Protein backbone atom coordinates (compact mmCIF):
# COMPACT_ATOMS: atom_id res chain seq x y z
CA MET A 1 0.00 0.00 0.00
CA THR A 2 1.45 3.35 -1.02
CA ARG A 3 0.21 6.57 0.52
CA THR A 4 0.66 9.97 -1.06
CA GLY A 5 3.79 11.58 0.32
CA PHE A 6 5.10 8.32 1.76
CA PRO A 7 7.01 6.37 -0.88
CA PRO A 8 7.64 2.68 -0.08
CA SER A 9 11.37 3.39 0.14
CA ALA A 10 12.51 6.55 1.83
CA VAL A 11 15.57 8.21 3.32
CA LEU A 12 14.78 9.71 6.68
CA PRO A 13 17.12 12.18 8.37
CA ILE A 14 17.98 11.40 11.98
CA SER A 15 20.30 13.07 14.42
CA GLY A 16 23.88 12.24 13.42
CA GLY A 17 23.08 10.55 10.08
CA THR A 18 20.30 9.10 7.95
CA LEU A 19 18.06 6.05 8.06
CA THR A 20 17.49 4.31 4.74
CA GLY A 21 14.98 1.55 4.15
CA VAL A 22 11.37 0.61 3.60
CA LEU A 23 8.84 2.41 5.77
CA ARG A 24 6.25 -0.03 7.04
CA VAL A 25 3.40 1.11 9.28
CA PRO A 26 1.28 -1.72 10.66
CA SER A 27 -2.47 -1.36 10.79
CA LEU A 28 -3.44 -0.79 14.42
CA GLY A 29 -6.06 -3.15 15.70
CA LYS A 30 -5.94 -5.27 12.54
CA ASN A 31 -6.85 -8.46 14.39
CA ALA A 32 -8.88 -6.90 17.19
CA THR A 33 -12.54 -7.79 17.57
CA ALA A 34 -14.78 -5.02 18.83
CA PRO A 35 -17.15 -5.98 21.67
CA THR A 36 -20.82 -5.93 20.72
CA VAL A 37 -24.21 -5.98 22.37
CA SER A 38 -26.41 -8.69 20.88
CA GLY A 39 -27.91 -7.54 17.60
CA THR A 40 -25.56 -4.62 17.08
CA GLU A 41 -22.12 -3.87 15.69
CA ALA A 42 -19.79 -1.58 17.56
CA SER A 43 -16.52 0.03 16.59
CA VAL A 44 -15.92 1.26 20.15
CA PRO A 45 -16.82 -0.33 23.49
CA PRO A 46 -20.49 0.16 24.37
CA THR A 47 -21.43 2.74 26.97
CA SER A 48 -22.24 1.85 30.55
CA ALA A 49 -25.90 2.73 29.89
CA THR A 50 -26.05 0.29 26.93
CA ILE A 51 -24.59 -2.52 29.04
CA GLN A 52 -26.89 -1.65 31.97
CA THR A 53 -29.95 -1.84 29.72
CA ALA A 54 -28.84 -5.20 28.32
CA LEU A 55 -28.01 -6.82 31.68
CA GLY A 56 -30.14 -5.20 34.38
CA ASN A 57 -29.31 -4.97 38.08
CA LEU A 58 -27.55 -7.33 40.45
CA ALA A 59 -29.51 -8.16 43.62
CA LEU A 60 -27.91 -9.32 46.87
CA GLY A 61 -27.96 -13.10 47.23
CA VAL A 62 -29.12 -13.70 43.64
CA ALA A 63 -26.81 -15.03 40.92
CA TRP A 64 -26.41 -12.42 38.14
CA GLN A 65 -25.27 -13.52 34.67
CA ASN A 66 -23.26 -11.61 32.06
CA THR A 67 -25.16 -12.74 28.96
CA LEU A 68 -23.12 -10.54 26.61
CA SER A 69 -20.41 -11.81 24.27
CA TYR A 70 -17.62 -9.93 26.07
CA ASP A 71 -16.25 -9.46 29.58
CA ILE A 72 -17.51 -6.61 31.74
CA TRP A 73 -16.52 -4.92 35.00
CA LEU A 74 -19.36 -4.65 37.51
CA THR A 75 -18.95 -2.26 40.42
CA VAL A 76 -21.62 -2.51 43.11
CA TYR A 77 -22.00 0.28 45.66
CA LEU A 78 -23.15 -1.29 48.92
CA ALA A 79 -24.77 1.13 51.39
CA VAL A 80 -24.22 0.01 54.99
CA THR A 81 -26.49 1.92 57.38
CA VAL A 82 -26.51 -0.27 60.51
CA ASN A 83 -23.66 -2.61 61.26
CA THR A 84 -22.55 -4.65 64.22
CA SER A 85 -20.85 -7.59 62.43
CA LEU A 86 -21.47 -7.55 58.69
CA VAL A 87 -19.99 -10.26 56.46
CA VAL A 88 -19.84 -9.76 52.66
CA ALA A 89 -18.97 -12.60 50.25
CA ASP A 90 -18.45 -12.36 46.50
CA GLY A 91 -17.85 -14.92 43.76
CA VAL A 92 -17.64 -15.22 39.97
CA GLY A 93 -17.91 -18.50 38.09
CA THR A 94 -19.41 -20.59 35.31
CA THR A 95 -22.49 -21.77 37.26
CA ASN A 96 -25.23 -19.87 39.10
CA THR A 97 -23.61 -20.95 42.38
CA PRO A 98 -20.03 -19.65 42.03
CA VAL A 99 -17.63 -20.26 44.90
CA GLN A 100 -17.71 -17.19 47.11
CA THR A 101 -14.86 -15.63 49.05
CA THR A 102 -15.43 -13.54 52.15
CA ILE A 103 -14.25 -10.03 51.30
CA ILE A 104 -15.48 -8.16 54.39
CA THR A 105 -15.85 -9.74 57.79
CA GLY A 106 -16.79 -8.54 61.26
CA THR A 107 -16.58 -4.85 60.39
CA THR A 108 -18.66 -2.21 62.12
CA ALA A 109 -17.99 0.51 59.53
CA LEU A 110 -20.84 2.49 58.00
CA GLY A 111 -21.09 4.16 54.59
CA ILE A 112 -20.85 3.29 50.91
CA VAL A 113 -18.56 0.38 50.01
CA PRO A 114 -17.63 -0.07 46.32
CA ILE A 115 -17.10 -3.72 45.34
CA ARG A 116 -15.71 -4.28 41.83
CA ALA A 117 -15.29 -7.56 39.95
CA LYS A 118 -14.65 -8.63 36.38
CA VAL A 119 -17.37 -10.93 35.05
CA PRO A 120 -16.32 -12.85 31.92
CA ALA A 121 -18.84 -13.43 29.11
CA SER A 122 -21.56 -15.97 30.04
CA GLN A 123 -20.38 -16.22 33.66
CA TYR A 124 -22.20 -15.47 36.91
CA ARG A 125 -21.54 -13.20 39.87
CA LEU A 126 -23.01 -13.80 43.31
CA LEU A 127 -22.70 -11.12 46.01
CA SER A 128 -24.19 -11.91 49.41
CA VAL A 129 -24.37 -10.29 52.82
CA SER A 130 -24.82 -12.01 56.18
CA GLY A 131 -24.25 -11.21 59.82
CA THR A 132 -25.86 -8.44 61.82
CA GLY A 133 -26.36 -5.21 59.93
CA THR A 134 -28.46 -3.36 57.41
CA SER A 135 -27.18 -3.03 53.88
CA ALA A 136 -28.57 -2.48 50.41
CA ILE A 137 -27.23 -1.87 46.94
CA ALA A 138 -27.15 1.89 46.47
CA GLY A 139 -26.10 1.67 42.82
CA GLN A 140 -23.99 -0.15 40.29
CA TYR A 141 -21.78 0.67 37.34
CA LEU A 142 -21.09 -1.60 34.35
CA GLU A 143 -18.34 -1.17 31.76
CA ALA A 144 -16.78 -3.24 29.00
CA ALA A 145 -13.57 -4.92 30.14
């Protein structure tokens, strides 16, 4: 491929001499596949709103599945309003009962706690809360990974 102004063989001046040879510029992203939402084509990653509309909301204690054809990041904002010994467990896996790991245990802190996890295409995320305390999901944010 020859572009105007860029002959296939060129002499380029450099500090202290010249560089002679063939100028080759690879096509960026030549083999990259753009992520898509079912039924659409995208040349850039979809917006958070597009992903949110496609996937809906995660609920505490309920397995949530990424049904898209690409990985996503899901950040859940957990609002803790009463807490004497809250335990939070999170897991991602290929079934609707992924193995969970305790990520917060025995804390008495109050406030908003962001919990972020990557959920591969077709996999599930399960976020659960136990112990003594009052918590609810205050919001969530989804983005293409």
